[in-house]
C-alpha atoms as a PDB file:
ATOM      1  CA  MET A   1     -55.245 -45.620   8.186  1.00  0.00           C
ATOM      2  CA  TYR A   2     -55.973 -46.781   4.638  1.00  0.00           C
ATOM      3  CA  GLU A   3     -53.277 -45.668   2.162  1.00  0.00           C
ATOM      4  CA  GLY A   4     -50.847 -44.994   5.003  1.00  0.00           C
ATOM      5  CA  GLN A   5     -50.671 -48.537   6.365  1.00  0.00           C
ATOM      6  CA  ASP A   6     -47.344 -50.331   6.723  1.00  0.00           C
ATOM      7  CA  GLY A   7     -46.788 -53.514   4.744  1.00  0.00           C
ATOM      8  CA  GLU A   8     -48.864 -55.140   2.017  1.00  0.00           C
ATOM      9  CA  PRO A   9     -52.656 -55.420   2.322  1.00  0.00           C
ATOM     10  CA  THR A  10     -53.946 -58.736   3.702  1.00  0.00           C
ATOM     11  CA  PRO A  11     -57.291 -60.409   2.987  1.00  0.00           C
ATOM     12  CA  ASP A  12     -58.414 -59.600   6.559  1.00  0.00           C
ATOM     13  CA  PHE A  13     -57.521 -55.928   6.106  1.00  0.00           C
ATOM     14  CA  VAL A  14     -59.346 -55.826   2.758  1.00  0.00           C
ATOM     15  CA  ALA A  15     -62.498 -57.317   4.314  1.00  0.00           C
ATOM     16  CA  ASP A  16     -62.413 -55.008   7.359  1.00  0.00           C
ATOM     17  CA  ALA A  17     -61.763 -51.883   5.268  1.00  0.00           C
ATOM     18  CA  ALA A  18     -64.558 -52.767   2.837  1.00  0.00           C
ATOM     19  CA  ALA A  19     -67.038 -53.338   5.672  1.00  0.00           C
ATOM     20  CA  TYR A  20     -66.111 -50.023   7.299  1.00  0.00           C
ATOM     21  CA  MET A  21     -66.294 -48.020   4.071  1.00  0.00           C
ATOM     22  CA  ARG A  22     -69.714 -49.450   3.225  1.00  0.00           C
ATOM     23  CA  SER A  23     -71.165 -48.520   6.619  1.00  0.00           C
ATOM     24  CA  MET A  24     -73.771 -45.761   6.811  1.00  0.00           C
ATOM     25  CA  SER A  25     -71.807 -43.833   9.455  1.00  0.00           C
ATOM     26  CA  TYR A  26     -68.725 -43.635   7.220  1.00  0.00           C
ATOM     27  CA  SER A  27     -70.797 -42.614   4.185  1.00  0.00           C
ATOM     28  CA  ALA A  28     -72.724 -39.989   6.136  1.00  0.00           C
ATOM     29  CA  SER A  29     -69.582 -38.421   7.608  1.00  0.00           C
ATOM     30  CA  LEU A  30     -67.866 -38.347   4.206  1.00  0.00           C
ATOM     31  CA  LEU A  31     -70.789 -36.842   2.305  1.00  0.00           C
ATOM     32  CA  ALA A  32     -71.963 -34.338   4.922  1.00  0.00           C
ATOM     33  CA  VAL A  33     -69.050 -31.917   4.531  1.00  0.00           C
ATOM     34  CA  SER A  34     -68.792 -28.836   2.352  1.00  0.00           C
ATOM     35  CA  PRO A  35     -66.973 -28.316   0.077  1.00  0.00           C
ATOM     36  CA  PRO A  36     -67.177 -31.920  -1.141  1.00  0.00           C
ATOM     37  CA  GLN A  37     -64.195 -34.148  -0.437  1.00  0.00           C
ATOM     38  CA  MET A  38     -63.937 -35.451  -3.995  1.00  0.00           C
ATOM     39  CA  ARG A  39     -62.120 -33.487  -6.677  1.00  0.00           C
ATOM     40  CA  THR A  40     -61.194 -34.496 -10.209  1.00  0.00           C
ATOM     41  CA  ILE A  41     -58.791 -33.207 -12.846  1.00  0.00           C
ATOM     42  CA  PRO A  42     -60.107 -33.283 -16.413  1.00  0.00           C
ATOM     43  CA  ILE A  43     -57.995 -34.790 -19.167  1.00  0.00           C
ATOM     44  CA  ASN A  44     -56.465 -31.949 -21.179  1.00  0.00           C
ATOM     45  CA  GLN A  45     -57.226 -33.591 -24.516  1.00  0.00           C
ATOM     46  CA  SER A  46     -60.970 -33.695 -23.862  1.00  0.00           C
ATOM     47  CA  ILE A  47     -61.535 -30.165 -22.557  1.00  0.00           C
ATOM     48  CA  PRO A  48     -59.736 -27.232 -24.191  1.00  0.00           C
ATOM     49  CA  VAL A  49     -58.779 -24.783 -21.451  1.00  0.00           C
ATOM     50  CA  GLU A  50     -59.722 -21.282 -22.589  1.00  0.00           C
ATOM     51  CA  HIS A  51     -59.997 -19.456 -19.265  1.00  0.00           C
ATOM     52  CA  ASN A  52     -57.570 -18.926 -16.413  1.00  0.00           C
ATOM     53  CA  VAL A  53     -58.480 -21.262 -13.575  1.00  0.00           C
ATOM     54  CA  ALA A  54     -56.868 -22.303 -10.313  1.00  0.00           C
ATOM     55  CA  THR A  55     -53.725 -24.243 -11.165  1.00  0.00           C
ATOM     56  CA  TYR A  56     -54.465 -26.972  -8.638  1.00  0.00           C
ATOM     57  CA  ASP A  57     -57.069 -28.219 -11.129  1.00  0.00           C
ATOM     58  CA  GLN A  58     -54.360 -28.759 -13.722  1.00  0.00           C
ATOM     59  CA  ILE A  59     -52.063 -31.653 -12.935  1.00  0.00           C
ATOM     60  CA  ARG A  60     -49.201 -30.515 -15.145  1.00  0.00           C
ATOM     61  CA  ALA A  61     -49.089 -27.086 -13.511  1.00  0.00           C
ATOM     62  CA  LEU A  62     -49.325 -28.723 -10.095  1.00  0.00           C
ATOM     63  CA  VAL A  63     -46.352 -30.983 -10.813  1.00  0.00           C
ATOM     64  CA  ALA A  64     -44.354 -28.140 -12.384  1.00  0.00           C
ATOM     65  CA  GLU A  65     -44.816 -25.930  -9.318  1.00  0.00           C
ATOM     66  CA  THR A  66     -44.150 -28.692  -6.775  1.00  0.00           C
ATOM     67  CA  ARG A  67     -40.711 -28.614  -5.154  1.00  0.00           C
ATOM     68  CA  GLY A  68     -40.595 -32.403  -4.695  1.00  0.00           C
ATOM     69  CA  PRO A  69     -39.747 -35.069  -3.895  1.00  0.00           C
ATOM     70  CA  PHE A  70     -42.135 -37.210  -5.950  1.00  0.00           C
ATOM     71  CA  VAL A  71     -43.098 -40.744  -4.934  1.00  0.00           C
ATOM     72  CA  VAL A  72     -45.236 -43.146  -6.971  1.00  0.00           C
ATOM     73  CA  LEU A  73     -47.187 -45.803  -5.073  1.00  0.00           C
ATOM     74  CA  LYS A  74     -49.172 -48.899  -5.853  1.00  0.00           C
ATOM     75  CA  CYS A  75     -52.908 -48.222  -5.895  1.00  0.00           C
ATOM     76  CA  LEU A  76     -54.234 -49.859  -2.741  1.00  0.00           C
ATOM     77  CA  CYS A  77     -57.707 -50.241  -4.256  1.00  0.00           C
ATOM     78  CA  ARG A  78     -56.315 -52.211  -7.218  1.00  0.00           C
ATOM     79  CA  GLU A  79     -54.111 -54.287  -4.928  1.00  0.00           C
ATOM     80  CA  GLN A  80     -57.181 -55.244  -2.916  1.00  0.00           C
ATOM     81  CA  GLN A  81     -59.086 -56.241  -6.046  1.00  0.00           C
ATOM     82  CA  VAL A  82     -56.154 -58.453  -7.111  1.00  0.00           C
ATOM     83  CA  LEU A  83     -56.364 -60.196  -3.711  1.00  0.00           C
ATOM     84  CA  LYS A  84     -60.040 -60.863  -4.455  1.00  0.00           C
ATOM     85  CA  ASN A  85     -59.170 -62.265  -7.931  1.00  0.00           C
ATOM     86  CA  LYS A  86     -60.903 -59.278  -9.553  1.00  0.00           C
ATOM     87  CA  PRO A  87     -58.115 -57.509 -11.472  1.00  0.00           C
ATOM     88  CA  CYS A  88     -58.727 -54.004 -12.762  1.00  0.00           C
ATOM     89  CA  LYS A  89     -60.565 -53.770 -16.081  1.00  0.00           C
ATOM     90  CA  GLN A  90     -59.043 -50.351 -16.881  1.00  0.00           C
ATOM     91  CA  THR A  91     -55.298 -50.991 -16.459  1.00  0.00           C
ATOM     92  CA  ALA A  92     -52.866 -53.726 -15.452  1.00  0.00           C
ATOM     93  CA  ARG A  93     -50.554 -51.136 -13.878  1.00  0.00           C
ATOM     94  CA  LEU A  94     -50.518 -50.837 -10.079  1.00  0.00           C
ATOM     95  CA  GLU A  95     -48.046 -47.942  -9.648  1.00  0.00           C
ATOM     96  CA  THR A  96     -50.428 -45.098 -10.443  1.00  0.00           C
ATOM     97  CA  CYS A  97     -50.908 -43.025  -7.272  1.00  0.00           C
ATOM     98  CA  MET A  98     -48.506 -40.228  -6.432  1.00  0.00           C
ATOM     99  CA  ALA A  99     -47.367 -38.167  -3.460  1.00  0.00           C
ATOM    100  CA  PHE A 100     -45.515 -34.836  -3.456  1.00  0.00           C
ATOM    101  CA  ASN A 101     -43.553 -32.668  -1.040  1.00  0.00           C
ATOM    102  CA  ASP A 102     -43.795 -33.458   2.692  1.00  0.00           C
ATOM    103  CA  THR A 103     -46.154 -36.394   2.182  1.00  0.00           C
ATOM    104  CA  ALA A 104     -43.734 -37.921  -0.349  1.00  0.00           C
ATOM    105  CA  ALA A 105     -40.839 -37.391   2.068  1.00  0.00           C
ATOM    106  CA  MET A 106     -42.793 -39.121   4.862  1.00  0.00           C
ATOM    107  CA  ILE A 107     -43.654 -42.054   2.578  1.00  0.00           C
ATOM    108  CA  ARG A 108     -40.020 -42.303   1.489  1.00  0.00           C
ATOM    109  CA  ARG A 109     -38.832 -42.353   5.144  1.00  0.00           C
ATOM    110  CA  ARG A 110     -41.167 -45.283   5.754  1.00  0.00           C
ATOM    111  CA  SER A 111     -39.671 -47.130   2.747  1.00  0.00           C
ATOM    112  CA  HIS A 112     -42.931 -47.125   0.826  1.00  0.00           C
ATOM    113  CA  GLY A 113     -43.380 -46.324  -2.839  1.00  0.00           C
ATOM    114  CA  ARG A 114     -40.707 -45.467  -5.349  1.00  0.00           C
ATOM    115  CA  GLU A 115     -39.109 -42.061  -5.776  1.00  0.00           C
ATOM    116  CA  VAL A 116     -39.296 -40.615  -9.295  1.00  0.00           C
ATOM    117  CA  ASN A 117     -38.145 -37.341 -10.811  1.00  0.00           C
ATOM    118  CA  ARG A 118     -40.454 -34.636 -12.169  1.00  0.00           C
ATOM    119  CA  ASP A 119     -40.336 -35.915 -15.768  1.00  0.00           C
ATOM    120  CA  GLU A 120     -41.101 -39.489 -14.661  1.00  0.00           C
ATOM    121  CA  ALA A 121     -44.002 -38.194 -12.550  1.00  0.00           C
ATOM    122  CA  LEU A 122     -45.490 -36.417 -15.566  1.00  0.00           C
ATOM    123  CA  GLU A 123     -44.966 -39.497 -17.756  1.00  0.00           C
ATOM    124  CA  ILE A 124     -46.779 -41.723 -15.223  1.00  0.00           C
ATOM    125  CA  LEU A 125     -49.674 -39.271 -14.967  1.00  0.00           C
ATOM    126  CA  GLN A 126     -49.869 -39.064 -18.772  1.00  0.00           C
ATOM    127  CA  ARG A 127     -50.050 -42.883 -18.959  1.00  0.00           C
ATOM    128  CA  ASN A 128     -52.760 -42.807 -16.285  1.00  0.00           C
ATOM    129  CA  GLU A 129     -54.793 -40.416 -18.435  1.00  0.00           C
ATOM    130  CA  ALA A 130     -54.190 -42.573 -21.521  1.00  0.00           C
ATOM    131  CA  ASP A 131     -55.458 -45.605 -19.578  1.00  0.00           C
ATOM    132  CA  GLY A 132     -58.665 -43.709 -18.800  1.00  0.00           C
ATOM    133  CA  LEU A 133     -57.998 -43.277 -15.082  1.00  0.00           C
ATOM    134  CA  VAL A 134     -59.630 -40.419 -13.141  1.00  0.00           C
ATOM    135  CA  LEU A 135     -57.049 -38.123 -11.543  1.00  0.00           C
ATOM    136  CA  GLN A 136     -58.230 -37.212  -8.042  1.00  0.00           C
ATOM    137  CA  PRO A 137     -55.991 -34.900  -6.031  1.00  0.00           C
ATOM    138  CA  ALA A 138     -56.391 -34.253  -2.332  1.00  0.00           C
ATOM    139  CA  ASN A 139     -58.987 -31.525  -1.876  1.00  0.00           C
ATOM    140  CA  ALA A 140     -56.550 -28.768  -0.953  1.00  0.00           C
ATOM    141  CA  ARG A 141     -55.079 -25.673  -2.604  1.00  0.00           C
ATOM    142  CA  ARG A 142     -51.692 -27.376  -2.775  1.00  0.00           C
ATOM    143  CA  PRO A 143     -52.470 -31.096  -3.002  1.00  0.00           C
ATOM    144  CA  ASP A 144     -49.741 -33.425  -1.824  1.00  0.00           C
ATOM    145  CA  PHE A 145     -51.367 -36.598  -3.118  1.00  0.00           C
ATOM    146  CA  VAL A 146     -53.047 -37.619  -6.393  1.00  0.00           C
ATOM    147  CA  CYS A 147     -54.941 -40.867  -6.792  1.00  0.00           C
ATOM    148  CA  SER A 148     -55.512 -42.233 -10.296  1.00  0.00           C
ATOM    149  CA  CYS A 149     -58.770 -44.097 -10.049  1.00  0.00           C
ATOM    150  CA  CYS A 150     -60.937 -46.449 -12.085  1.00  0.00           C
ATOM    151  CA  GLY A 151     -64.625 -47.197 -11.791  1.00  0.00           C
ATOM    152  CA  CYS A 152     -64.130 -50.911 -11.106  1.00  0.00           C
ATOM    153  CA  CYS A 153     -61.670 -50.769  -8.179  1.00  0.00           C
ATOM    154  CA  CYS A 154     -61.732 -47.344  -6.527  1.00  0.00           C
ATOM    155  CA  GLY A 155     -63.503 -47.304  -3.185  1.00  0.00           C
ATOM    156  CA  MET A 156     -64.475 -43.632  -3.510  1.00  0.00           C
ATOM    157  CA  LEU A 157     -65.801 -43.951  -7.074  1.00  0.00           C
ATOM    158  CA  SER A 158     -67.714 -47.101  -6.081  1.00  0.00           C
ATOM    159  CA  LEU A 159     -69.347 -45.201  -3.225  1.00  0.00           C
ATOM    160  CA  GLN A 160     -70.186 -42.279  -5.507  1.00  0.00           C
ATOM    161  CA  LYS A 161     -71.753 -44.624  -8.089  1.00  0.00           C
ATOM    162  CA  MET A 162     -74.262 -45.780  -5.461  1.00  0.00           C
ATOM    163  CA  LEU A 163     -75.616 -42.230  -5.005  1.00  0.00           C
ATOM    164  CA  PRO A 164     -78.618 -40.965  -6.979  1.00  0.00           C
ATOM    165  CA  HIS A 165     -76.831 -37.677  -7.864  1.00  0.00           C
ATOM    166  CA  PRO A 166     -73.081 -38.334  -7.444  1.00  0.00           C
ATOM    167  CA  LEU A 167     -71.945 -35.011  -8.953  1.00  0.00           C
ATOM    168  CA  ASP A 168     -73.521 -33.221  -5.993  1.00  0.00           C
ATOM    169  CA  PHE A 169     -70.548 -34.473  -3.963  1.00  0.00           C
ATOM    170  CA  TRP A 170     -67.746 -33.508  -6.374  1.00  0.00           C
ATOM    171  CA  THR A 171     -66.142 -30.153  -6.995  1.00  0.00           C
ATOM    172  CA  THR A 172     -64.180 -28.795  -9.953  1.00  0.00           C
ATOM    173  CA  ASN A 173     -63.539 -25.451 -11.610  1.00  0.00           C
ATOM    174  CA  PHE A 174     -64.414 -26.942 -15.012  1.00  0.00           C
ATOM    175  CA  ARG A 175     -67.985 -27.161 -16.293  1.00  0.00           C
ATOM    176  CA  ALA A 176     -69.140 -28.850 -19.494  1.00  0.00           C
ATOM    177  CA  GLU A 177     -71.188 -26.628 -21.773  1.00  0.00           C
ATOM    178  CA  ILE A 178     -72.892 -27.405 -25.071  1.00  0.00           C
ATOM    179  CA  ASP A 179     -72.129 -25.064 -27.955  1.00  0.00           C
ATOM    180  CA  ASP A 180     -75.004 -25.733 -30.361  1.00  0.00           C
ATOM    181  CA  ALA A 181     -73.310 -23.720 -33.120  1.00  0.00           C
ATOM    182  CA  ALA A 182     -70.148 -25.846 -32.958  1.00  0.00           C
ATOM    183  CA  CYS A 183     -71.908 -29.221 -32.613  1.00  0.00           C
ATOM    184  CA  LYS A 184     -71.518 -31.476 -35.673  1.00  0.00           C
ATOM    185  CA  SER A 185     -73.643 -34.319 -34.247  1.00  0.00           C
ATOM    186  CA  CYS A 186     -70.640 -36.669 -34.430  1.00  0.00           C
ATOM    187  CA  GLY A 187     -71.713 -38.549 -31.282  1.00  0.00           C
ATOM    188  CA  LYS A 188     -68.247 -38.485 -29.627  1.00  0.00           C
ATOM    189  CA  CYS A 189     -69.617 -36.911 -26.444  1.00  0.00           C
ATOM    190  CA  VAL A 190     -72.301 -39.602 -26.157  1.00  0.00           C
ATOM    191  CA  SER A 191     -69.832 -42.479 -26.509  1.00  0.00           C
ATOM    192  CA  ALA A 192     -67.409 -40.793 -24.071  1.00  0.00           C
ATOM    193  CA  ALA A 193     -70.175 -40.394 -21.469  1.00  0.00           C
ATOM    194  CA  ARG A 194     -71.202 -44.049 -21.824  1.00  0.00           C
ATOM    195  CA  SER A 195     -67.647 -45.329 -21.367  1.00  0.00           C
ATOM    196  CA  ALA A 196     -66.782 -43.037 -18.420  1.00  0.00           C
ATOM    197  CA  PRO A 197     -65.624 -44.859 -15.272  1.00  0.00           C
END
């Protein structure tokens, strides 16, 4: 209903979608499920991977193992913010979300998005990481869709930011740990946490 709509978003659609997604019934139904519906992929440069983990948490492995096709789409959340004269503070790029496999084929049949090859898909996702976007795949073992979200436009991140303990509704196989012996008190982790979306 939301990302799968035909045509460009209109101001009426933006207003109706925003009203629906801010309703208590929508929030309750979204947050009441287990496991949580939100999933994130950490940026490789910030977390060294030292243990074997499920590959669907690693975007490069996911793309490498995907048969294709690959389709990149405009971020509907950012498009809506542009319609409201509130452009994204994180990136000026709109083509940041991506579909794979059967979902990409369906989107392509409907003449939405733009087909890209595997290398282009990885390059777009790398640029998304460089722009500080949060990679959020569909919560499935073999995700067929990855959103690249920012804290100022994304409907899901905006909803999560209203919660007292938002991490209770996210799932990931990565956990941050403090290694007191390795800490040099450089402050990088503090500044990164303050600037997170």
